[in-house]
Amino acid sequence: MKKILLLCMGLALLGCKDTKNETGVEETTTGVSANDGLTLFAGEYIYYADAAVLQIGSSSIYGVILNEKTKELNALAQTYKEEPTDGVLVQVRGLIVPKPEGEEGWPNSIEIKEIISVKKQNSDLNKAVILEQKGYVED
C-alpha cells in the first residue's frame, strides 16, 4: 500500500515539471509564492501597437497591463527583436487581474511586478505573416 502511495506521489510531482512543447516555448506551471503573493509566469511575450500579451504554452494567453515594468520589459525585449511583431521568451512575476465586466479583452490579465529573464526566441518561430495589398489595374 505504501508503494502505491509513493508511486502516485512521484507521478504527481513529475506532472508539475516544466516542459517544452512542439514550438520550443517553455510551458511553466504558475505558482504563487507564499511570501508576497506573486505568481511566476514563463512564456512568449509580444508587445505591438500599445497592446501586450503573454502566451504560456499553446493554450493560455493573458493580456498584460501596461505599467512601468511593462515599459522596462519592452526596452529589454527590443534587443532581441528583428521585427516589431516578434515575441521574446520571458520569465516574470506578477498578479493575475480578472477582466472587469463589460470590458473587452482577455478574461485575465497580468500586472507585472518583477522581471526575471528575457531571451531571444527561436528565429524560425518568430516569423509573422505580413499581408501586403497590391494594386490591380485593368486594361
N, C-alpha and C. Protein backbone atom coordinates (compact mmCIF):
# COMPACT_ATOMS: atom_id res chain seq x y z
N MET A 1 0.82 -1.19 0.00
CA MET A 1 0.00 0.00 0.00
C MET A 1 0.87 1.25 0.00
N LYS A 2 1.96 1.23 0.80
CA LYS A 2 2.86 2.37 0.86
C LYS A 2 3.52 2.61 -0.50
N LYS A 3 3.86 1.51 -1.20
CA LYS A 3 4.50 1.64 -2.51
C LYS A 3 3.56 2.31 -3.50
N ILE A 4 2.32 1.96 -3.47
CA ILE A 4 1.34 2.57 -4.38
C ILE A 4 1.19 4.05 -4.07
N LEU A 5 1.13 4.40 -2.81
CA LEU A 5 1.01 5.80 -2.40
C LEU A 5 2.24 6.59 -2.85
N LEU A 6 3.43 6.03 -2.65
CA LEU A 6 4.67 6.70 -3.07
C LEU A 6 4.73 6.85 -4.59
N LEU A 7 4.28 5.84 -5.31
CA LEU A 7 4.25 5.90 -6.76
C LEU A 7 3.32 7.01 -7.25
N CYS A 8 2.15 7.10 -6.66
CA CYS A 8 1.19 8.15 -7.03
C CYS A 8 1.75 9.54 -6.73
N MET A 9 2.41 9.70 -5.59
CA MET A 9 3.00 11.00 -5.25
C MET A 9 4.13 11.35 -6.22
N GLY A 10 4.93 10.34 -6.60
CA GLY A 10 6.02 10.57 -7.55
C GLY A 10 5.49 10.99 -8.91
N LEU A 11 4.43 10.35 -9.38
CA LEU A 11 3.82 10.71 -10.66
C LEU A 11 3.22 12.11 -10.61
N ALA A 12 2.64 12.47 -9.48
CA ALA A 12 2.07 13.81 -9.34
C ALA A 12 3.17 14.86 -9.41
N LEU A 13 4.32 14.59 -8.79
CA LEU A 13 5.44 15.53 -8.85
C LEU A 13 6.00 15.65 -10.24
N LEU A 14 6.08 14.55 -10.98
CA LEU A 14 6.57 14.60 -12.35
C LEU A 14 5.65 15.40 -13.25
N GLY A 15 4.37 15.37 -12.98
CA GLY A 15 3.40 16.12 -13.77
C GLY A 15 3.53 17.62 -13.59
N CYS A 16 4.19 18.10 -12.54
CA CYS A 16 4.35 19.52 -12.29
C CYS A 16 5.63 20.10 -12.88
N LYS A 17 6.44 19.27 -13.53
CA LYS A 17 7.70 19.74 -14.09
C LYS A 17 7.45 20.68 -15.26
N ASP A 18 8.44 21.54 -15.53
CA ASP A 18 8.40 22.38 -16.71
C ASP A 18 8.62 21.50 -17.94
N THR A 19 7.90 21.80 -19.01
CA THR A 19 8.05 21.04 -20.24
C THR A 19 8.17 21.99 -21.41
N LYS A 20 8.71 21.48 -22.52
CA LYS A 20 8.75 22.27 -23.74
C LYS A 20 7.78 21.63 -24.71
N ASN A 21 6.95 22.47 -25.34
CA ASN A 21 6.01 21.94 -26.30
C ASN A 21 6.66 21.87 -27.67
N GLU A 22 5.89 21.51 -28.69
CA GLU A 22 6.44 21.33 -30.03
C GLU A 22 6.96 22.63 -30.65
N THR A 23 6.59 23.78 -30.15
CA THR A 23 7.08 25.04 -30.70
C THR A 23 8.37 25.48 -30.03
N GLY A 24 8.81 24.79 -29.00
CA GLY A 24 10.04 25.16 -28.30
C GLY A 24 9.81 26.18 -27.20
N VAL A 25 8.56 26.62 -27.01
CA VAL A 25 8.25 27.58 -25.96
C VAL A 25 8.08 26.82 -24.66
N GLU A 26 8.76 27.26 -23.65
CA GLU A 26 8.70 26.58 -22.36
C GLU A 26 7.35 26.83 -21.71
N GLU A 27 6.71 25.74 -21.29
CA GLU A 27 5.45 25.84 -20.57
C GLU A 27 5.75 25.65 -19.09
N THR A 28 5.52 26.67 -18.31
CA THR A 28 5.82 26.57 -16.89
C THR A 28 4.53 26.65 -16.10
N THR A 29 4.38 25.73 -15.17
CA THR A 29 3.26 25.78 -14.26
C THR A 29 3.43 27.03 -13.39
N THR A 30 2.38 27.81 -13.29
CA THR A 30 2.47 29.00 -12.47
C THR A 30 2.24 28.63 -11.02
N GLY A 31 2.92 29.32 -10.14
CA GLY A 31 2.78 29.05 -8.72
C GLY A 31 2.84 30.34 -7.94
N VAL A 32 2.12 30.38 -6.85
CA VAL A 32 2.09 31.58 -6.02
C VAL A 32 3.12 31.44 -4.90
N SER A 33 3.93 32.47 -4.75
CA SER A 33 4.92 32.48 -3.67
C SER A 33 4.21 32.79 -2.37
N ALA A 34 4.54 32.07 -1.33
CA ALA A 34 3.90 32.27 -0.03
C ALA A 34 4.27 33.61 0.60
N ASN A 35 5.43 34.15 0.21
CA ASN A 35 5.91 35.38 0.85
C ASN A 35 5.19 36.64 0.37
N ASP A 36 5.01 36.78 -0.94
CA ASP A 36 4.50 38.05 -1.44
C ASP A 36 3.24 37.93 -2.30
N GLY A 37 2.74 36.73 -2.56
CA GLY A 37 1.51 36.56 -3.32
C GLY A 37 1.67 36.71 -4.82
N LEU A 38 2.89 36.86 -5.31
CA LEU A 38 3.12 36.99 -6.75
C LEU A 38 3.20 35.62 -7.40
N THR A 39 2.80 35.56 -8.67
CA THR A 39 2.80 34.33 -9.43
C THR A 39 3.91 34.37 -10.46
N LEU A 40 4.59 33.26 -10.67
CA LEU A 40 5.64 33.16 -11.68
C LEU A 40 5.02 32.76 -13.01
N PHE A 41 5.37 33.50 -14.08
CA PHE A 41 4.90 33.20 -15.42
C PHE A 41 6.10 33.08 -16.34
N ALA A 42 6.10 32.09 -17.23
CA ALA A 42 7.15 31.94 -18.23
C ALA A 42 6.49 31.62 -19.56
N GLY A 43 6.82 32.39 -20.58
CA GLY A 43 6.23 32.15 -21.89
C GLY A 43 6.67 33.18 -22.90
N GLU A 44 5.92 33.28 -23.99
CA GLU A 44 6.24 34.20 -25.06
C GLU A 44 5.52 35.53 -24.84
N TYR A 45 6.29 36.59 -24.82
CA TYR A 45 5.76 37.93 -24.60
C TYR A 45 5.79 38.68 -25.92
N ILE A 46 4.64 39.26 -26.28
CA ILE A 46 4.54 40.03 -27.52
C ILE A 46 3.94 41.39 -27.19
N TYR A 47 4.63 42.44 -27.63
CA TYR A 47 4.15 43.81 -27.47
C TYR A 47 4.15 44.44 -28.85
N TYR A 48 3.00 45.02 -29.22
CA TYR A 48 2.90 45.67 -30.52
C TYR A 48 1.74 46.66 -30.47
N ALA A 49 1.99 47.86 -30.91
CA ALA A 49 0.95 48.89 -31.06
C ALA A 49 0.16 49.12 -29.77
N ASP A 50 0.85 49.35 -28.67
CA ASP A 50 0.23 49.66 -27.38
C ASP A 50 -0.65 48.56 -26.82
N ALA A 51 -0.32 47.32 -27.12
CA ALA A 51 -1.01 46.17 -26.54
C ALA A 51 0.03 45.08 -26.30
N ALA A 52 -0.13 44.34 -25.21
CA ALA A 52 0.82 43.29 -24.88
C ALA A 52 0.08 42.05 -24.40
N VAL A 53 0.62 40.88 -24.77
CA VAL A 53 0.08 39.61 -24.31
C VAL A 53 1.22 38.70 -23.88
N LEU A 54 0.91 37.76 -23.02
CA LEU A 54 1.84 36.73 -22.61
C LEU A 54 1.19 35.39 -22.87
N GLN A 55 1.80 34.59 -23.75
CA GLN A 55 1.27 33.28 -24.07
C GLN A 55 2.11 32.24 -23.35
N ILE A 56 1.44 31.44 -22.54
CA ILE A 56 2.11 30.38 -21.79
C ILE A 56 1.70 29.06 -22.42
N GLY A 57 2.65 28.41 -23.08
CA GLY A 57 2.34 27.18 -23.79
C GLY A 57 1.48 27.46 -25.00
N SER A 58 0.67 26.49 -25.36
CA SER A 58 -0.16 26.64 -26.55
C SER A 58 -1.60 27.00 -26.24
N SER A 59 -1.95 27.11 -24.96
CA SER A 59 -3.37 27.32 -24.66
C SER A 59 -3.68 28.49 -23.73
N SER A 60 -2.73 28.99 -22.98
CA SER A 60 -3.02 30.05 -22.02
C SER A 60 -2.48 31.39 -22.52
N ILE A 61 -3.38 32.35 -22.69
CA ILE A 61 -2.98 33.69 -23.12
C ILE A 61 -3.55 34.70 -22.12
N TYR A 62 -2.68 35.61 -21.70
CA TYR A 62 -3.07 36.65 -20.77
C TYR A 62 -2.78 38.01 -21.41
N GLY A 63 -3.67 38.96 -21.18
CA GLY A 63 -3.34 40.33 -21.52
C GLY A 63 -2.34 40.83 -20.49
N VAL A 64 -1.53 41.82 -20.86
CA VAL A 64 -0.56 42.38 -19.93
C VAL A 64 -0.92 43.84 -19.69
N ILE A 65 -1.06 44.20 -18.43
CA ILE A 65 -1.40 45.57 -18.04
C ILE A 65 -0.17 46.44 -18.30
N LEU A 66 -0.37 47.53 -19.02
CA LEU A 66 0.74 48.43 -19.35
C LEU A 66 1.04 49.31 -18.14
N ASN A 67 2.27 49.16 -17.62
CA ASN A 67 2.73 49.95 -16.48
C ASN A 67 4.23 50.19 -16.63
N GLU A 68 4.88 50.68 -15.60
CA GLU A 68 6.32 50.98 -15.68
C GLU A 68 7.16 49.72 -15.92
N LYS A 69 6.78 48.61 -15.30
CA LYS A 69 7.51 47.36 -15.50
C LYS A 69 7.35 46.86 -16.94
N THR A 70 6.17 47.08 -17.53
CA THR A 70 5.96 46.70 -18.92
C THR A 70 6.84 47.53 -19.84
N LYS A 71 6.97 48.82 -19.55
CA LYS A 71 7.87 49.67 -20.34
C LYS A 71 9.31 49.18 -20.22
N GLU A 72 9.71 48.80 -19.03
CA GLU A 72 11.06 48.26 -18.81
C GLU A 72 11.25 46.95 -19.57
N LEU A 73 10.24 46.08 -19.54
CA LEU A 73 10.31 44.81 -20.25
C LEU A 73 10.38 45.04 -21.76
N ASN A 74 9.62 46.02 -22.28
CA ASN A 74 9.66 46.33 -23.70
C ASN A 74 11.04 46.80 -24.12
N ALA A 75 11.68 47.62 -23.30
CA ALA A 75 13.03 48.11 -23.60
C ALA A 75 14.02 46.94 -23.64
N LEU A 76 13.92 46.02 -22.70
CA LEU A 76 14.80 44.85 -22.69
C LEU A 76 14.53 43.94 -23.90
N ALA A 77 13.28 43.81 -24.27
CA ALA A 77 12.90 42.92 -25.38
C ALA A 77 13.36 43.46 -26.74
N GLN A 78 13.50 44.77 -26.88
CA GLN A 78 13.91 45.36 -28.16
C GLN A 78 15.23 44.80 -28.65
N THR A 79 16.14 44.48 -27.77
CA THR A 79 17.45 43.98 -28.18
C THR A 79 17.37 42.58 -28.81
N TYR A 80 16.27 41.87 -28.58
CA TYR A 80 16.11 40.52 -29.10
C TYR A 80 15.18 40.44 -30.30
N LYS A 81 14.57 41.54 -30.69
CA LYS A 81 13.59 41.55 -31.78
C LYS A 81 14.24 41.97 -33.09
N GLU A 82 13.87 41.29 -34.17
CA GLU A 82 14.27 41.70 -35.51
C GLU A 82 13.17 42.53 -36.15
N GLU A 83 11.93 42.20 -35.84
CA GLU A 83 10.75 42.90 -36.36
C GLU A 83 9.90 43.34 -35.17
N PRO A 84 9.12 44.40 -35.34
CA PRO A 84 8.29 44.87 -34.22
C PRO A 84 7.28 43.84 -33.72
N THR A 85 6.90 42.89 -34.57
CA THR A 85 5.90 41.88 -34.20
C THR A 85 6.50 40.64 -33.56
N ASP A 86 7.83 40.59 -33.44
CA ASP A 86 8.49 39.41 -32.85
C ASP A 86 8.19 39.29 -31.37
N GLY A 87 8.14 38.05 -30.91
CA GLY A 87 7.97 37.77 -29.49
C GLY A 87 9.30 37.40 -28.87
N VAL A 88 9.37 37.49 -27.57
CA VAL A 88 10.55 37.08 -26.82
C VAL A 88 10.12 36.17 -25.68
N LEU A 89 11.03 35.34 -25.22
CA LEU A 89 10.74 34.45 -24.10
C LEU A 89 11.06 35.18 -22.80
N VAL A 90 10.12 35.19 -21.88
CA VAL A 90 10.31 35.91 -20.63
C VAL A 90 9.93 35.04 -19.45
N GLN A 91 10.48 35.40 -18.31
CA GLN A 91 10.03 34.92 -17.01
C GLN A 91 9.77 36.16 -16.19
N VAL A 92 8.54 36.29 -15.71
CA VAL A 92 8.15 37.44 -14.90
C VAL A 92 7.34 36.97 -13.72
N ARG A 93 7.25 37.82 -12.72
CA ARG A 93 6.37 37.57 -11.58
C ARG A 93 5.37 38.70 -11.52
N GLY A 94 4.14 38.36 -11.18
CA GLY A 94 3.11 39.38 -11.12
C GLY A 94 1.82 38.88 -10.53
N LEU A 95 0.80 39.71 -10.71
CA LEU A 95 -0.53 39.42 -10.17
C LEU A 95 -1.49 39.13 -11.32
N ILE A 96 -2.39 38.18 -11.12
CA ILE A 96 -3.45 37.91 -12.09
C ILE A 96 -4.62 38.82 -11.76
N VAL A 97 -5.06 39.58 -12.76
CA VAL A 97 -6.15 40.53 -12.57
C VAL A 97 -7.30 40.13 -13.50
N PRO A 98 -8.48 39.77 -12.96
CA PRO A 98 -9.61 39.41 -13.82
C PRO A 98 -10.12 40.63 -14.59
N LYS A 99 -10.63 40.37 -15.79
CA LYS A 99 -11.17 41.43 -16.63
C LYS A 99 -12.45 41.98 -15.99
N PRO A 100 -12.56 43.31 -15.88
CA PRO A 100 -13.80 43.89 -15.37
C PRO A 100 -14.97 43.59 -16.30
N GLU A 101 -16.13 43.40 -15.73
CA GLU A 101 -17.31 43.11 -16.54
C GLU A 101 -17.61 44.25 -17.49
N GLY A 102 -18.02 43.89 -18.69
CA GLY A 102 -18.38 44.88 -19.68
C GLY A 102 -17.22 45.40 -20.50
N GLU A 103 -16.00 45.01 -20.18
CA GLU A 103 -14.84 45.45 -20.94
C GLU A 103 -14.41 44.35 -21.90
N GLU A 104 -13.78 44.76 -23.01
CA GLU A 104 -13.26 43.80 -23.96
C GLU A 104 -11.86 43.38 -23.54
N GLY A 105 -11.44 42.23 -24.03
CA GLY A 105 -10.08 41.78 -23.75
C GLY A 105 -10.06 40.35 -23.25
N TRP A 106 -8.86 39.93 -22.86
CA TRP A 106 -8.67 38.58 -22.34
C TRP A 106 -9.36 38.44 -20.99
N PRO A 107 -9.82 37.23 -20.65
CA PRO A 107 -10.50 37.03 -19.37
C PRO A 107 -9.65 37.43 -18.16
N ASN A 108 -8.33 37.21 -18.25
CA ASN A 108 -7.43 37.58 -17.17
C ASN A 108 -6.23 38.33 -17.74
N SER A 109 -5.74 39.26 -16.97
CA SER A 109 -4.54 40.00 -17.34
C SER A 109 -3.49 39.80 -16.26
N ILE A 110 -2.26 40.14 -16.62
CA ILE A 110 -1.15 40.06 -15.67
C ILE A 110 -0.62 41.45 -15.42
N GLU A 111 -0.46 41.79 -14.16
CA GLU A 111 0.22 43.02 -13.78
C GLU A 111 1.63 42.63 -13.37
N ILE A 112 2.61 42.96 -14.22
CA ILE A 112 3.98 42.56 -13.98
C ILE A 112 4.57 43.38 -12.84
N LYS A 113 5.16 42.68 -11.88
CA LYS A 113 5.80 43.33 -10.73
C LYS A 113 7.32 43.13 -10.73
N GLU A 114 7.78 42.04 -11.37
CA GLU A 114 9.21 41.74 -11.37
C GLU A 114 9.58 41.03 -12.67
N ILE A 115 10.69 41.44 -13.28
CA ILE A 115 11.21 40.80 -14.49
C ILE A 115 12.36 39.89 -14.06
N ILE A 116 12.27 38.62 -14.39
CA ILE A 116 13.31 37.67 -14.01
C ILE A 116 14.29 37.46 -15.15
N SER A 117 13.77 37.17 -16.36
CA SER A 117 14.66 36.97 -17.50
C SER A 117 13.96 37.29 -18.81
N VAL A 118 14.78 37.66 -19.80
CA VAL A 118 14.31 37.92 -21.16
C VAL A 118 15.33 37.30 -22.09
N LYS A 119 14.86 36.52 -23.07
CA LYS A 119 15.80 35.94 -24.03
C LYS A 119 15.14 35.80 -25.39
N LYS A 120 15.98 35.67 -26.39
CA LYS A 120 15.52 35.56 -27.76
C LYS A 120 14.81 34.24 -27.98
N GLN A 121 13.78 34.31 -28.79
CA GLN A 121 13.04 33.11 -29.15
C GLN A 121 13.67 32.51 -30.39
N ASN A 122 13.44 31.25 -30.63
CA ASN A 122 13.89 30.57 -31.83
C ASN A 122 13.45 31.38 -33.04
N SER A 123 14.37 31.79 -33.90
CA SER A 123 14.05 32.70 -35.00
C SER A 123 13.05 32.12 -35.99
N ASP A 124 12.98 30.81 -36.14
CA ASP A 124 12.00 30.22 -37.05
C ASP A 124 10.58 30.39 -36.55
N LEU A 125 10.41 30.52 -35.24
CA LEU A 125 9.08 30.66 -34.66
C LEU A 125 8.62 32.11 -34.65
N ASN A 126 9.51 33.04 -34.88
CA ASN A 126 9.20 34.46 -34.79
C ASN A 126 8.76 35.05 -36.12
N LYS A 127 8.38 34.24 -37.07
CA LYS A 127 8.00 34.73 -38.38
C LYS A 127 6.51 35.03 -38.41
N ALA A 128 6.18 36.31 -38.53
CA ALA A 128 4.78 36.73 -38.64
C ALA A 128 4.40 36.76 -40.11
N VAL A 129 3.16 36.49 -40.40
CA VAL A 129 2.67 36.59 -41.76
C VAL A 129 2.22 38.02 -41.97
N ILE A 130 2.87 38.69 -42.92
CA ILE A 130 2.54 40.08 -43.21
C ILE A 130 1.93 40.13 -44.60
N LEU A 131 0.69 40.58 -44.67
CA LEU A 131 -0.02 40.65 -45.94
C LEU A 131 0.16 42.04 -46.52
N GLU A 132 0.36 42.07 -47.82
CA GLU A 132 0.53 43.35 -48.49
C GLU A 132 -0.47 43.39 -49.63
N GLN A 133 -1.20 44.47 -49.75
CA GLN A 133 -2.18 44.60 -50.80
C GLN A 133 -1.53 45.29 -51.99
N LYS A 134 -1.61 44.67 -53.15
CA LYS A 134 -1.07 45.22 -54.38
C LYS A 134 -2.23 45.79 -55.19
N GLY A 135 -1.97 46.90 -55.82
CA GLY A 135 -2.99 47.49 -56.69
C GLY A 135 -3.18 46.66 -57.94
N TYR A 136 -4.40 46.57 -58.43
CA TYR A 136 -4.71 45.81 -59.62
C TYR A 136 -5.26 46.78 -60.64
N VAL A 137 -4.67 46.79 -61.81
CA VAL A 137 -5.10 47.70 -62.87
C VAL A 137 -5.65 46.90 -64.01
N GLU A 138 -6.87 47.24 -64.42
CA GLU A 138 -7.50 46.56 -65.57
C GLU A 138 -7.12 47.30 -66.84
N ASP A 139 -7.00 46.55 -67.95
CA ASP A 139 -6.68 47.15 -69.25
C ASP A 139 -7.91 47.69 -69.90
